[in-house]
Amino acid sequence: MISAIVLIKADVSRIPEVAQQIAEIAGVSEVYSVTGDVDLIAVARVERHEDFADVIADRLNKVEGVRDTQTHIAFRTYSNDDLGAAFSIGGD
């Protein structure tokens, strides 16, 4: 599974509606309303890089109220579960 983090600027008056529409797109796992330079952050997960074109370019970017996006493709994912597994290797 390949992940991308999408930073989204949206029309301020439509942030909840934009977030809900994006959350309903197949391939989008989470949408966060945030403070800072962007209004929303979405996490997209797909099987192949080519699938990002459908999820992000063809669907997410076309949601009414999305003004701008910036996409970051993840190279590697780290989580507490991953770290715990790494430290438990050979420890028994």
N, C-alpha and C. Protein backbone atom coordinates (compact mmCIF):
# COMPACT_ATOMS: atom_id res chain seq x y z
N MET A 1 0.85 -1.17 0.00
CA MET A 1 0.00 0.00 0.00
C MET A 1 0.90 1.24 0.00
N ILE A 2 0.57 2.19 -0.86
CA ILE A 2 1.34 3.43 -0.98
C ILE A 2 0.49 4.55 -0.40
N SER A 3 1.10 5.40 0.42
CA SER A 3 0.38 6.49 1.06
C SER A 3 0.81 7.83 0.52
N ALA A 4 -0.15 8.76 0.53
CA ALA A 4 0.13 10.15 0.19
C ALA A 4 -0.58 11.04 1.20
N ILE A 5 0.08 12.12 1.56
CA ILE A 5 -0.51 13.13 2.43
C ILE A 5 -0.83 14.31 1.54
N VAL A 6 -2.10 14.74 1.55
CA VAL A 6 -2.54 15.83 0.69
C VAL A 6 -2.92 17.03 1.55
N LEU A 7 -2.20 18.14 1.36
CA LEU A 7 -2.49 19.38 2.06
C LEU A 7 -3.50 20.15 1.20
N ILE A 8 -4.60 20.57 1.80
CA ILE A 8 -5.70 21.13 1.04
C ILE A 8 -6.09 22.51 1.56
N LYS A 9 -6.16 23.47 0.64
CA LYS A 9 -6.74 24.77 0.95
C LYS A 9 -8.15 24.75 0.39
N ALA A 10 -9.12 25.15 1.22
CA ALA A 10 -10.52 25.09 0.83
C ALA A 10 -11.20 26.43 1.08
N ASP A 11 -12.34 26.63 0.43
CA ASP A 11 -13.15 27.80 0.73
C ASP A 11 -13.56 27.70 2.20
N VAL A 12 -13.25 28.74 2.96
CA VAL A 12 -13.47 28.71 4.40
C VAL A 12 -14.93 28.42 4.75
N SER A 13 -15.84 28.93 3.98
CA SER A 13 -17.26 28.73 4.29
C SER A 13 -17.73 27.31 4.00
N ARG A 14 -16.90 26.50 3.34
CA ARG A 14 -17.31 25.14 2.95
C ARG A 14 -16.41 24.05 3.53
N ILE A 15 -15.57 24.37 4.49
CA ILE A 15 -14.62 23.37 5.01
C ILE A 15 -15.29 22.08 5.46
N PRO A 16 -16.36 22.11 6.28
CA PRO A 16 -16.96 20.83 6.69
C PRO A 16 -17.51 20.01 5.52
N GLU A 17 -18.15 20.68 4.56
CA GLU A 17 -18.71 19.97 3.41
C GLU A 17 -17.61 19.41 2.52
N VAL A 18 -16.55 20.19 2.31
CA VAL A 18 -15.42 19.73 1.51
C VAL A 18 -14.77 18.51 2.17
N ALA A 19 -14.56 18.60 3.48
CA ALA A 19 -13.94 17.49 4.21
C ALA A 19 -14.78 16.22 4.09
N GLN A 20 -16.10 16.34 4.23
CA GLN A 20 -16.98 15.17 4.14
C GLN A 20 -16.95 14.56 2.75
N GLN A 21 -16.99 15.40 1.72
CA GLN A 21 -16.95 14.88 0.35
C GLN A 21 -15.63 14.17 0.07
N ILE A 22 -14.53 14.73 0.54
CA ILE A 22 -13.22 14.10 0.34
C ILE A 22 -13.15 12.78 1.09
N ALA A 23 -13.69 12.74 2.30
CA ALA A 23 -13.66 11.51 3.11
C ALA A 23 -14.42 10.37 2.44
N GLU A 24 -15.38 10.70 1.59
CA GLU A 24 -16.19 9.68 0.92
C GLU A 24 -15.53 9.13 -0.35
N ILE A 25 -14.39 9.69 -0.76
CA ILE A 25 -13.70 9.22 -1.96
C ILE A 25 -12.99 7.90 -1.65
N ALA A 26 -13.22 6.90 -2.46
CA ALA A 26 -12.52 5.62 -2.30
C ALA A 26 -11.02 5.87 -2.45
N GLY A 27 -10.25 5.37 -1.49
CA GLY A 27 -8.81 5.58 -1.50
C GLY A 27 -8.37 6.62 -0.49
N VAL A 28 -9.31 7.40 0.03
CA VAL A 28 -8.99 8.38 1.07
C VAL A 28 -9.34 7.73 2.41
N SER A 29 -8.36 7.61 3.29
CA SER A 29 -8.60 6.92 4.56
C SER A 29 -8.97 7.87 5.69
N GLU A 30 -8.43 9.09 5.70
CA GLU A 30 -8.75 10.06 6.74
C GLU A 30 -8.69 11.46 6.15
N VAL A 31 -9.46 12.35 6.77
CA VAL A 31 -9.39 13.78 6.47
C VAL A 31 -9.39 14.50 7.80
N TYR A 32 -8.43 15.40 7.98
CA TYR A 32 -8.31 16.16 9.22
C TYR A 32 -8.53 17.64 8.95
N SER A 33 -9.31 18.29 9.78
CA SER A 33 -9.44 19.74 9.76
C SER A 33 -8.33 20.25 10.68
N VAL A 34 -7.49 21.17 10.18
CA VAL A 34 -6.30 21.57 10.92
C VAL A 34 -6.15 23.09 10.96
N THR A 35 -5.25 23.53 11.82
CA THR A 35 -4.86 24.94 11.85
C THR A 35 -3.58 25.09 11.05
N GLY A 36 -3.24 26.31 10.69
CA GLY A 36 -1.99 26.55 9.98
C GLY A 36 -2.22 27.04 8.57
N ASP A 37 -1.28 26.74 7.70
CA ASP A 37 -1.30 27.24 6.33
C ASP A 37 -2.34 26.57 5.44
N VAL A 38 -2.83 25.40 5.84
CA VAL A 38 -3.84 24.70 5.06
C VAL A 38 -5.07 24.47 5.94
N ASP A 39 -6.17 24.12 5.30
CA ASP A 39 -7.43 23.92 6.02
C ASP A 39 -7.70 22.46 6.36
N LEU A 40 -7.27 21.57 5.45
CA LEU A 40 -7.52 20.15 5.61
C LEU A 40 -6.27 19.36 5.23
N ILE A 41 -6.11 18.20 5.85
CA ILE A 41 -5.08 17.25 5.45
C ILE A 41 -5.77 15.91 5.23
N ALA A 42 -5.57 15.33 4.05
CA ALA A 42 -6.15 14.03 3.73
C ALA A 42 -5.03 13.01 3.57
N VAL A 43 -5.32 11.78 3.95
CA VAL A 43 -4.39 10.68 3.74
C VAL A 43 -5.03 9.75 2.71
N ALA A 44 -4.32 9.54 1.62
CA ALA A 44 -4.78 8.64 0.56
C ALA A 44 -3.89 7.41 0.53
N ARG A 45 -4.51 6.25 0.37
CA ARG A 45 -3.75 5.00 0.30
C ARG A 45 -4.23 4.22 -0.91
N VAL A 46 -3.28 3.84 -1.76
CA VAL A 46 -3.60 3.12 -2.99
C VAL A 46 -2.62 1.96 -3.20
N GLU A 47 -2.97 1.09 -4.10
CA GLU A 47 -2.12 -0.07 -4.41
C GLU A 47 -0.96 0.30 -5.34
N ARG A 48 -1.23 1.19 -6.31
CA ARG A 48 -0.22 1.54 -7.32
C ARG A 48 -0.11 3.05 -7.43
N HIS A 49 1.07 3.55 -7.76
CA HIS A 49 1.25 4.99 -7.93
C HIS A 49 0.25 5.58 -8.92
N GLU A 50 -0.03 4.83 -9.97
CA GLU A 50 -0.95 5.31 -11.00
C GLU A 50 -2.33 5.60 -10.44
N ASP A 51 -2.70 4.93 -9.35
CA ASP A 51 -4.03 5.12 -8.76
C ASP A 51 -4.19 6.50 -8.13
N PHE A 52 -3.08 7.15 -7.79
CA PHE A 52 -3.17 8.51 -7.24
C PHE A 52 -3.80 9.46 -8.25
N ALA A 53 -3.59 9.23 -9.53
CA ALA A 53 -4.18 10.10 -10.55
C ALA A 53 -5.70 10.10 -10.43
N ASP A 54 -6.29 8.94 -10.22
CA ASP A 54 -7.74 8.86 -10.07
C ASP A 54 -8.20 9.48 -8.75
N VAL A 55 -7.57 9.09 -7.66
CA VAL A 55 -8.02 9.53 -6.34
C VAL A 55 -7.79 11.03 -6.14
N ILE A 56 -6.60 11.51 -6.46
CA ILE A 56 -6.26 12.90 -6.14
C ILE A 56 -6.58 13.83 -7.31
N ALA A 57 -6.00 13.59 -8.46
CA ALA A 57 -6.18 14.52 -9.59
C ALA A 57 -7.60 14.52 -10.13
N ASP A 58 -8.18 13.34 -10.31
CA ASP A 58 -9.49 13.26 -10.95
C ASP A 58 -10.67 13.44 -10.01
N ARG A 59 -10.47 13.17 -8.71
CA ARG A 59 -11.62 13.23 -7.80
C ARG A 59 -11.44 14.28 -6.70
N LEU A 60 -10.39 14.16 -5.90
CA LEU A 60 -10.21 15.09 -4.78
C LEU A 60 -10.08 16.54 -5.27
N ASN A 61 -9.26 16.78 -6.26
CA ASN A 61 -9.05 18.14 -6.76
C ASN A 61 -10.30 18.75 -7.38
N LYS A 62 -11.28 17.92 -7.73
CA LYS A 62 -12.49 18.42 -8.38
C LYS A 62 -13.66 18.62 -7.41
N VAL A 63 -13.43 18.38 -6.12
CA VAL A 63 -14.47 18.63 -5.13
C VAL A 63 -14.71 20.13 -5.07
N GLU A 64 -15.97 20.52 -5.14
CA GLU A 64 -16.31 21.94 -5.10
C GLU A 64 -15.86 22.53 -3.76
N GLY A 65 -15.11 23.61 -3.84
CA GLY A 65 -14.59 24.25 -2.63
C GLY A 65 -13.11 24.00 -2.41
N VAL A 66 -12.51 23.05 -3.11
CA VAL A 66 -11.06 22.84 -3.03
C VAL A 66 -10.40 23.92 -3.88
N ARG A 67 -9.54 24.72 -3.25
CA ARG A 67 -8.88 25.81 -3.96
C ARG A 67 -7.48 25.44 -4.41
N ASP A 68 -6.77 24.62 -3.61
CA ASP A 68 -5.39 24.28 -3.92
C ASP A 68 -5.00 23.03 -3.15
N THR A 69 -4.14 22.22 -3.73
CA THR A 69 -3.64 21.03 -3.03
C THR A 69 -2.14 20.92 -3.22
N GLN A 70 -1.52 20.25 -2.29
CA GLN A 70 -0.11 19.91 -2.38
C GLN A 70 0.02 18.47 -1.89
N THR A 71 0.54 17.60 -2.73
CA THR A 71 0.59 16.18 -2.42
C THR A 71 2.01 15.73 -2.10
N HIS A 72 2.14 14.96 -1.03
CA HIS A 72 3.42 14.40 -0.60
C HIS A 72 3.29 12.88 -0.56
N ILE A 73 4.03 12.19 -1.41
CA ILE A 73 4.02 10.72 -1.45
C ILE A 73 4.98 10.21 -0.38
N ALA A 74 4.52 9.28 0.43
CA ALA A 74 5.34 8.73 1.51
C ALA A 74 6.30 7.67 0.98
N PHE A 75 7.56 7.75 1.41
CA PHE A 75 8.55 6.73 1.08
C PHE A 75 8.43 5.53 2.01
N ARG A 76 8.25 5.84 3.29
CA ARG A 76 8.24 4.80 4.32
C ARG A 76 7.29 5.26 5.43
N THR A 77 6.63 4.31 6.07
CA THR A 77 5.72 4.62 7.16
C THR A 77 6.31 4.12 8.46
N TYR A 78 6.27 4.97 9.47
CA TYR A 78 6.73 4.61 10.81
C TYR A 78 5.54 4.72 11.76
N SER A 79 5.42 3.78 12.67
CA SER A 79 4.37 3.85 13.68
C SER A 79 4.88 3.16 14.94
N ASN A 80 4.17 3.35 16.04
CA ASN A 80 4.55 2.68 17.28
C ASN A 80 4.54 1.17 17.11
N ASP A 81 3.60 0.65 16.34
CA ASP A 81 3.54 -0.80 16.10
C ASP A 81 4.80 -1.27 15.39
N ASP A 82 5.27 -0.51 14.37
CA ASP A 82 6.49 -0.87 13.65
C ASP A 82 7.70 -0.85 14.57
N LEU A 83 7.79 0.18 15.42
CA LEU A 83 8.93 0.28 16.33
C LEU A 83 8.92 -0.85 17.34
N GLY A 84 7.75 -1.19 17.86
CA GLY A 84 7.65 -2.29 18.83
C GLY A 84 8.07 -3.60 18.22
N ALA A 85 7.67 -3.84 16.97
CA ALA A 85 8.06 -5.07 16.29
C ALA A 85 9.56 -5.13 16.07
N ALA A 86 10.15 -4.01 15.71
CA ALA A 86 11.59 -3.97 15.46
C ALA A 86 12.38 -4.27 16.72
N PHE A 87 11.94 -3.72 17.86
CA PHE A 87 12.68 -3.94 19.10
C PHE A 87 12.44 -5.31 19.69
N SER A 88 11.39 -6.00 19.26
CA SER A 88 11.12 -7.32 19.82
C SER A 88 11.79 -8.44 19.02
N ILE A 89 12.42 -8.11 17.91
CA ILE A 89 13.07 -9.14 17.08
C ILE A 89 14.26 -9.72 17.84
N GLY A 90 14.24 -11.01 18.03
CA GLY A 90 15.35 -11.70 18.68
C GLY A 90 15.48 -11.45 20.17
N GLY A 91 14.49 -10.82 20.75
CA GLY A 91 14.58 -10.51 22.17
C GLY A 91 14.15 -11.63 23.08
N ASP A 92 13.58 -12.70 22.53
CA ASP A 92 13.06 -13.78 23.37
C ASP A 92 14.11 -14.81 23.64
